[in-house]
Amino acid sequence: LPVSGPLLQLKAKHLAEALGRPDPEPSSGWLAHFGARHNLAFKKPPAEKGDAEQPTAEHWAGVVLPGLLRSYAPSEIYACGETVVLLPASSPGKGDSAGDRLTLLLCANADGSEKAPLRVVGDSPRPRCLQGINLGQMPWSYRAGSLAGMTASLFTEWLREFNEGMQRQGKSVLLLLAKHEAHPYLQLSNVRMIFVPPATALAQPLDRGIASDLKGHYQRRLLRWLPAERGVGQPTLLDALHMLAQAWGDVRPGLIASCFRATGVSPDAGTEAPALTLAPGPLSQEQLERRALMDEEPEHDGEPADAEVDGDEGTAEGEDVEELAAVQPCPSEREVWGSLATLRRYLECRATSPDLFQAFYELEDAVHMMS
């Protein structure tokens, strides 16, 4: 069995956990020192039979792919892959160091009916802003990797969790992904992994518009972060994780299905993906309708609020003053954002389900529309 660098890093992580020393992810520097200490040289493995006869893009799209998809419904065909985004405090002038970016693992099915929760990989193993948070109930998950990138051990962990999720749903699915050293093959009970040949770059639905649409929504949410109104500085890593989860939720199922169709991973192959806008509207049609219902003033029984009352008809002057004192002034936008931040923190500490954050995100969008 050929031994590669990612396999050594994965084995080192497992040994550390077995010895009760869950150290941070073994880095590239650790691997280099390990190789020098034991006089190891990593070479390209010899070509196996059939390596020189990789299928062409036309053969893959016309013969191999249809045969693979024949046994699966669109809701059972998934694609996954990674993309990179910059942290809020980053800018083109700051460079592109590992501490300035995050790697996102995206996964969705061919009809857009299911999007796996975001798996985010950053550079910091123990971010201070994530302390005290019930991480198991967040609509995202965060891991630390070498240079903020996906590693074989992190991807293996995600794959096993994804397979367990399919087991709970009673589904057997097909997972399309690119061949990469950070994507080890696993024999799983409910997930069949298929590596797309490197020559078929078009057969990557995430690259045909899904990832770029998520980035557009993320950029729009970054731009609408108003420090002057919210009374805070730049968004933290925690703020960015929530904005990324909201942006992933903003990616419409119809767009996902169109991107799968454009790559041939759909019964209606050949349809081009729609033109994408970088910053579409903040709310979907369903959310706008809900927003309109919220704006409707409820009917009240009895006299209207502005009805004139005769002071001589039994109302004491002291009671009038008391009623006026009980009227609360309209809070400022900064106070509203502060209240939302308090509510979000409460959910981060006490939430019992990630679904609670979807309701919170919709409330935050509605407040932003009014501000």
Protein backbone atom coordinates (compact mmCIF):
# COMPACT_ATOMS: atom_id res chain seq x y z
CA LEU A 1 0.00 0.00 0.00
CA PRO A 2 1.61 3.32 -1.03
CA VAL A 3 2.03 5.65 1.97
CA SER A 4 1.42 9.33 1.30
CA GLY A 5 1.86 12.44 3.39
CA PRO A 6 -1.89 12.84 4.17
CA LEU A 7 -2.05 9.19 5.30
CA LEU A 8 0.85 9.75 7.70
CA GLN A 9 -0.85 12.87 9.08
CA LEU A 10 -4.10 10.93 9.54
CA LYS A 11 -2.31 8.08 11.33
CA ALA A 12 -0.46 10.55 13.59
CA LYS A 13 -3.77 12.12 14.57
CA HIS A 14 -5.30 8.72 15.39
CA LEU A 15 -2.27 7.72 17.50
CA ALA A 16 -2.37 11.02 19.40
CA GLU A 17 -6.07 10.50 20.19
CA ALA A 18 -5.40 6.90 21.30
CA LEU A 19 -2.70 8.14 23.68
CA GLY A 20 -5.02 10.75 25.12
CA ARG A 21 -3.22 13.66 23.48
CA PRO A 22 -5.65 15.22 20.97
CA ASP A 23 -3.10 17.69 19.62
CA PRO A 24 -3.94 20.12 16.81
CA GLU A 25 -4.01 18.84 13.25
CA PRO A 26 -0.53 17.58 12.16
CA SER A 27 0.75 20.35 9.88
CA SER A 28 2.89 20.30 6.75
CA GLY A 29 5.81 21.44 8.91
CA TRP A 30 5.37 18.41 11.18
CA LEU A 31 5.30 16.14 8.13
CA ALA A 32 8.50 17.69 6.73
CA HIS A 33 10.35 17.26 10.04
CA PHE A 34 9.06 13.67 10.37
CA GLY A 35 10.27 12.84 6.86
CA ALA A 36 13.70 14.38 7.47
CA ARG A 37 14.08 12.60 10.82
CA HIS A 38 13.30 9.18 9.31
CA ASN A 39 14.91 9.78 5.90
CA LEU A 40 11.63 9.49 4.00
CA ALA A 41 11.19 10.57 0.40
CA PHE A 42 7.73 11.01 -1.08
CA LYS A 43 7.65 9.97 -4.71
CA LYS A 44 4.89 9.66 -7.23
CA PRO A 45 3.58 6.07 -7.18
CA PRO A 46 4.09 3.99 -10.32
CA ALA A 47 1.27 4.15 -12.81
CA GLU A 48 -1.22 1.35 -12.47
CA LYS A 49 -2.81 -0.49 -15.30
CA GLY A 50 -5.41 1.67 -16.94
CA ASP A 51 -4.05 4.98 -15.63
CA ALA A 52 -2.99 5.99 -19.12
CA GLU A 53 -6.46 5.24 -20.42
CA GLN A 54 -8.47 7.74 -18.44
CA PRO A 55 -11.85 8.40 -20.06
CA THR A 56 -12.18 11.55 -22.10
CA ALA A 57 -14.68 14.23 -21.16
CA GLU A 58 -17.00 13.10 -23.95
CA HIS A 59 -16.82 9.43 -22.93
CA TRP A 60 -17.38 10.30 -19.27
CA ALA A 61 -20.40 12.51 -20.00
CA GLY A 62 -21.91 10.25 -22.65
CA VAL A 63 -21.24 6.73 -21.34
CA VAL A 64 -19.79 6.51 -17.83
CA LEU A 65 -21.91 9.12 -16.07
CA PRO A 66 -25.34 7.98 -17.40
CA GLY A 67 -24.53 4.44 -16.32
CA LEU A 68 -23.69 5.58 -12.81
CA LEU A 69 -26.79 7.74 -12.46
CA ARG A 70 -29.23 5.15 -13.75
CA SER A 71 -29.85 3.62 -10.33
CA TYR A 72 -30.33 6.88 -8.44
CA ALA A 73 -33.05 9.52 -8.27
CA PRO A 74 -31.97 13.20 -8.46
CA SER A 75 -32.51 13.55 -4.70
CA GLU A 76 -30.01 10.71 -4.17
CA ILE A 77 -27.20 12.22 -6.29
CA TYR A 78 -24.86 14.54 -4.36
CA ALA A 79 -21.78 16.53 -5.24
CA CYS A 80 -19.29 17.96 -2.79
CA GLY A 81 -16.23 20.15 -3.02
CA GLU A 82 -14.30 22.97 -1.41
CA THR A 83 -14.15 26.71 -2.03
CA VAL A 84 -12.31 29.53 -0.26
CA VAL A 85 -13.64 32.83 1.13
CA LEU A 86 -11.88 35.69 2.85
CA LEU A 87 -12.55 36.65 6.44
CA PRO A 88 -14.33 40.01 6.97
CA ALA A 89 -11.22 41.85 8.18
CA SER A 90 -9.27 40.80 5.09
CA SER A 91 -8.79 42.95 2.03
CA PRO A 92 -6.80 42.66 -1.21
CA GLY A 93 -4.11 44.89 0.27
CA LYS A 94 -3.56 42.57 3.22
CA GLY A 95 -2.44 39.63 1.14
CA ASP A 96 -3.76 36.11 1.26
CA SER A 97 -2.30 34.43 4.33
CA ALA A 98 -3.89 31.38 5.95
CA GLY A 99 -5.25 33.49 8.80
CA ASP A 100 -7.22 35.64 6.35
CA ARG A 101 -9.29 32.90 4.73
CA LEU A 102 -11.67 30.04 5.38
CA THR A 103 -12.20 26.84 3.40
CA LEU A 104 -15.83 25.78 2.95
CA LEU A 105 -16.94 22.23 2.23
CA LEU A 106 -20.17 22.39 0.22
CA CYS A 107 -22.47 19.46 -0.49
CA ALA A 108 -25.90 19.42 -2.15
CA ASN A 109 -28.07 17.02 -4.13
CA ALA A 110 -29.12 17.26 -7.76
CA ASP A 111 -32.66 18.56 -7.25
CA GLY A 112 -31.62 21.11 -4.62
CA SER A 113 -33.86 19.59 -1.97
CA GLU A 114 -31.02 19.10 0.52
CA LYS A 115 -27.92 21.09 1.35
CA ALA A 116 -25.58 19.61 3.94
CA PRO A 117 -24.66 22.02 6.77
CA LEU A 118 -21.51 23.98 6.03
CA ARG A 119 -18.20 22.52 7.21
CA VAL A 120 -15.78 25.43 7.66
CA VAL A 121 -12.01 25.00 8.06
CA GLY A 122 -9.94 27.80 9.54
CA ASP A 123 -6.41 28.32 10.77
CA SER A 124 -7.09 28.85 14.50
CA PRO A 125 -7.60 25.60 16.50
CA ARG A 126 -9.36 27.31 19.43
CA PRO A 127 -10.92 30.64 18.41
CA ARG A 128 -11.79 32.76 21.44
CA CYS A 129 -15.09 33.88 19.92
CA LEU A 130 -16.34 30.25 19.86
CA GLN A 131 -15.84 29.66 23.58
CA GLY A 132 -19.02 28.99 25.55
CA ILE A 133 -21.01 28.10 22.43
CA ASN A 134 -23.03 24.92 22.02
CA LEU A 135 -21.18 23.98 18.83
CA GLY A 136 -23.18 20.79 18.32
CA GLN A 137 -26.37 22.78 17.68
CA MET A 138 -25.01 25.36 15.24
CA PRO A 139 -26.14 25.45 11.58
CA TRP A 140 -22.44 25.19 10.69
CA SER A 141 -19.42 23.30 12.00
CA TYR A 142 -15.88 24.60 12.40
CA ARG A 143 -12.60 22.71 12.30
CA ALA A 144 -8.95 23.79 12.30
CA GLY A 145 -6.66 22.62 9.51
CA SER A 146 -3.14 23.27 8.36
CA LEU A 147 -3.06 26.59 6.47
CA ALA A 148 -6.87 26.74 6.80
CA GLY A 149 -7.18 23.98 4.20
CA MET A 150 -9.01 20.68 3.97
CA THR A 151 -7.01 17.64 5.04
CA ALA A 152 -7.57 13.91 4.63
CA SER A 153 -8.44 13.43 8.30
CA LEU A 154 -10.93 16.31 8.31
CA PHE A 155 -12.57 15.06 5.13
CA THR A 156 -12.74 11.52 6.52
CA GLU A 157 -14.51 12.84 9.62
CA TRP A 158 -17.03 14.71 7.47
CA LEU A 159 -17.60 11.68 5.23
CA ARG A 160 -18.42 9.45 8.20
CA GLU A 161 -20.85 12.04 9.57
CA PHE A 162 -22.46 12.40 6.12
CA ASN A 163 -22.83 8.61 5.87
CA GLU A 164 -24.43 8.50 9.34
CA GLY A 165 -26.89 11.19 8.23
CA MET A 166 -27.86 9.12 5.19
CA GLN A 167 -28.30 6.08 7.45
CA ARG A 168 -30.73 7.98 9.65
CA GLN A 169 -32.71 8.98 6.57
CA GLY A 170 -32.64 5.46 5.16
CA LYS A 171 -31.05 6.66 1.90
CA SER A 172 -28.33 5.13 -0.27
CA VAL A 173 -26.74 7.93 -2.28
CA LEU A 174 -24.10 8.63 -4.90
CA LEU A 175 -21.45 11.23 -4.04
CA LEU A 176 -19.51 12.90 -6.87
CA LEU A 177 -16.23 14.59 -5.95
CA ALA A 178 -12.89 15.56 -7.42
CA LYS A 179 -9.86 13.33 -7.03
CA HIS A 180 -7.54 15.00 -4.52
CA GLU A 181 -5.03 13.96 -1.86
CA ALA A 182 -7.39 15.40 0.77
CA HIS A 183 -10.23 13.15 -0.52
CA PRO A 184 -9.44 9.58 0.58
CA TYR A 185 -11.70 6.79 -0.62
CA LEU A 186 -13.83 5.09 2.05
CA GLN A 187 -16.05 2.06 1.78
CA LEU A 188 -19.28 3.36 3.33
CA SER A 189 -22.61 1.70 4.00
CA ASN A 190 -24.91 4.34 2.50
CA VAL A 191 -22.63 6.50 0.36
CA ARG A 192 -21.01 5.41 -2.91
CA MET A 193 -18.07 7.69 -3.71
CA ILE A 194 -17.33 8.43 -7.38
CA PHE A 195 -14.25 10.46 -8.30
CA VAL A 196 -14.75 12.63 -11.37
CA PRO A 197 -11.80 12.34 -13.78
CA PRO A 198 -9.57 15.45 -13.85
CA ALA A 199 -10.23 15.96 -17.56
CA THR A 200 -13.94 16.53 -16.95
CA ALA A 201 -13.85 19.90 -15.23
CA LEU A 202 -17.32 20.69 -16.54
CA ALA A 203 -18.75 17.79 -14.53
CA GLN A 204 -18.46 19.78 -11.28
CA PRO A 205 -21.86 21.31 -10.44
CA LEU A 206 -20.42 23.35 -7.57
CA ASP A 207 -18.06 25.10 -10.00
CA ARG A 208 -20.83 25.94 -12.46
CA GLY A 209 -22.42 28.59 -10.25
CA ILE A 210 -23.30 27.18 -6.82
CA ALA A 211 -20.09 28.28 -5.08
CA SER A 212 -20.05 31.69 -6.78
CA ASP A 213 -23.68 32.30 -5.82
CA LEU A 214 -22.91 31.56 -2.17
CA LYS A 215 -19.96 33.96 -2.30
CA GLY A 216 -22.19 36.66 -3.76
CA HIS A 217 -24.67 36.33 -0.92
CA TYR A 218 -21.81 36.32 1.59
CA GLN A 219 -20.29 39.51 0.12
CA ARG A 220 -23.67 41.24 0.20
CA ARG A 221 -24.12 40.40 3.88
CA LEU A 222 -20.61 41.68 4.62
CA LEU A 223 -21.35 44.96 2.85
CA ARG A 224 -24.54 45.55 4.80
CA TRP A 225 -22.74 45.16 8.13
CA LEU A 226 -22.94 48.73 9.42
CA PRO A 227 -20.60 49.32 12.38
CA ALA A 228 -22.00 52.81 12.99
CA GLU A 229 -25.53 51.46 13.45
CA ARG A 230 -24.68 48.22 15.24
CA GLY A 231 -22.20 49.88 17.60
CA VAL A 232 -19.53 47.23 16.98
CA GLY A 233 -16.34 46.93 14.96
CA GLN A 234 -15.44 44.50 12.23
CA PRO A 235 -17.32 41.16 12.19
CA THR A 236 -15.65 38.38 14.14
CA LEU A 237 -15.07 34.82 12.96
CA LEU A 238 -18.34 33.87 14.69
CA ASP A 239 -20.21 36.60 12.80
CA ALA A 240 -18.67 35.36 9.55
CA LEU A 241 -19.76 31.78 10.26
CA HIS A 242 -23.35 32.91 10.75
CA MET A 243 -23.23 35.04 7.60
CA LEU A 244 -21.89 32.05 5.64
CA ALA A 245 -24.70 29.85 6.96
CA GLN A 246 -27.22 32.52 5.90
CA ALA A 247 -25.57 32.81 2.48
CA TRP A 248 -25.72 29.01 2.02
CA GLY A 249 -29.40 29.15 2.91
CA ASP A 250 -29.90 31.92 0.31
CA VAL A 251 -28.72 29.65 -2.53
CA ARG A 252 -31.97 28.63 -4.21
CA PRO A 253 -32.82 24.98 -4.94
CA GLY A 254 -33.70 25.92 -8.53
CA LEU A 255 -30.23 27.31 -9.14
CA ILE A 256 -28.62 24.17 -7.70
CA ALA A 257 -30.75 21.94 -9.94
CA SER A 258 -29.87 24.08 -12.98
CA CYS A 259 -26.14 23.77 -12.26
CA PHE A 260 -26.48 19.98 -12.00
CA ARG A 261 -28.40 19.91 -15.30
CA ALA A 262 -25.69 22.01 -16.96
CA THR A 263 -23.12 19.33 -16.11
CA GLY A 264 -25.28 16.40 -17.22
CA VAL A 265 -26.04 15.20 -13.68
CA SER A 266 -29.80 15.33 -14.17
CA PRO A 267 -32.56 13.75 -16.26
CA ASP A 268 -32.79 17.05 -18.20
CA ALA A 269 -29.12 17.28 -19.17
CA GLY A 270 -27.88 20.00 -21.44
CA THR A 271 -29.79 22.92 -19.96
CA GLU A 272 -27.50 25.87 -19.38
CA ALA A 273 -27.16 27.30 -15.91
CA PRO A 274 -28.94 30.65 -15.50
CA ALA A 275 -27.06 33.92 -15.39
CA LEU A 276 -26.05 34.74 -11.85
CA THR A 277 -26.13 38.11 -10.13
CA LEU A 278 -23.51 38.84 -7.52
CA ALA A 279 -25.88 40.34 -5.00
CA PRO A 280 -29.53 39.31 -5.39
CA GLY A 281 -32.22 40.59 -3.09
CA PRO A 282 -31.84 39.75 0.58
CA LEU A 283 -35.14 37.96 0.92
CA SER A 284 -36.80 35.24 -1.10
CA GLN A 285 -40.39 35.57 -2.34
CA GLU A 286 -41.66 33.47 0.56
CA GLN A 287 -39.80 35.64 3.05
CA LEU A 288 -41.12 38.81 1.40
CA GLU A 289 -44.68 37.52 1.72
CA ARG A 290 -44.05 36.71 5.38
CA ARG A 291 -42.59 40.19 5.79
CA ALA A 292 -45.74 41.72 4.27
CA LEU A 293 -47.90 39.80 6.74
CA MET A 294 -45.78 41.09 9.60
CA ASP A 295 -46.29 44.65 8.43
CA GLU A 296 -50.07 44.41 8.49
CA GLU A 297 -51.51 46.20 11.50
CA PRO A 298 -53.77 43.99 13.61
CA GLU A 299 -57.31 45.03 14.23
CA HIS A 300 -58.16 46.24 17.71
CA ASP A 301 -61.50 46.18 19.42
CA GLY A 302 -62.83 49.26 21.11
CA GLU A 303 -61.89 52.89 20.65
CA PRO A 304 -58.96 53.87 18.41
CA ALA A 305 -55.72 54.79 20.12
CA ASP A 306 -55.94 58.45 19.12
CA ALA A 307 -59.54 58.93 20.28
CA GLU A 308 -60.05 62.07 22.33
CA VAL A 309 -60.89 61.51 25.97
CA ASP A 310 -62.64 64.10 28.06
CA GLY A 311 -60.61 64.73 31.18
CA ASP A 312 -63.79 65.51 33.16
CA GLU A 313 -65.27 62.02 32.73
CA GLY A 314 -63.72 60.31 35.72
CA THR A 315 -60.05 60.19 34.64
CA ALA A 316 -57.78 61.59 37.29
CA GLU A 317 -54.80 63.70 36.37
CA GLY A 318 -52.45 61.29 38.13
CA GLU A 319 -53.68 58.39 36.01
CA ASP A 320 -53.03 60.38 32.81
CA VAL A 321 -49.44 60.99 33.87
CA GLU A 322 -49.03 57.34 34.77
CA GLU A 323 -50.27 56.22 31.34
CA LEU A 324 -47.93 58.62 29.57
CA ALA A 325 -45.00 57.34 31.62
CA ALA A 326 -45.86 53.76 30.65
CA VAL A 327 -45.52 54.49 26.91
CA GLN A 328 -42.13 53.18 25.76
CA PRO A 329 -40.20 55.22 23.19
CA CYS A 330 -39.29 53.61 19.86
CA PRO A 331 -35.84 52.00 20.23
CA SER A 332 -33.00 53.18 18.01
CA GLU A 333 -31.48 50.96 15.35
CA ARG A 334 -28.41 50.46 17.52
CA GLU A 335 -30.60 49.25 20.38
CA VAL A 336 -32.45 46.88 18.04
CA TRP A 337 -29.19 45.39 16.73
CA GLY A 338 -27.97 45.07 20.30
CA SER A 339 -31.11 43.17 21.23
CA LEU A 340 -30.68 40.86 18.24
CA ALA A 341 -27.05 40.23 19.25
CA THR A 342 -28.24 39.31 22.74
CA LEU A 343 -30.85 36.93 21.33
CA ARG A 344 -28.29 35.33 19.03
CA ARG A 345 -25.91 34.81 21.92
CA TYR A 346 -28.68 33.17 23.93
CA LEU A 347 -29.37 30.78 21.04
CA GLU A 348 -25.65 30.05 20.64
CA CYS A 349 -25.46 29.00 24.28
CA ARG A 350 -28.86 27.35 24.76
CA ALA A 351 -30.13 26.23 21.36
CA THR A 352 -31.46 22.68 21.16
CA SER A 353 -31.63 22.51 17.34
CA PRO A 354 -29.87 24.22 14.42
CA ASP A 355 -33.32 24.91 12.95
CA LEU A 356 -33.85 27.66 15.52
CA PHE A 357 -31.27 29.78 13.74
CA GLN A 358 -33.25 29.76 10.51
CA ALA A 359 -36.07 31.61 12.28
CA PHE A 360 -33.52 34.00 13.78
CA TYR A 361 -31.92 34.66 10.37
CA GLU A 362 -35.32 35.51 8.89
CA LEU A 363 -36.03 37.89 11.78
CA GLU A 364 -32.66 39.58 11.26
CA ASP A 365 -33.36 39.99 7.54
CA ALA A 366 -36.78 41.50 8.28
CA VAL A 367 -35.25 44.02 10.70
CA HIS A 368 -32.64 44.96 8.13
CA MET A 369 -35.34 45.62 5.55
CA MET A 370 -36.98 48.09 7.94
CA SER A 371 -33.73 49.86 8.89
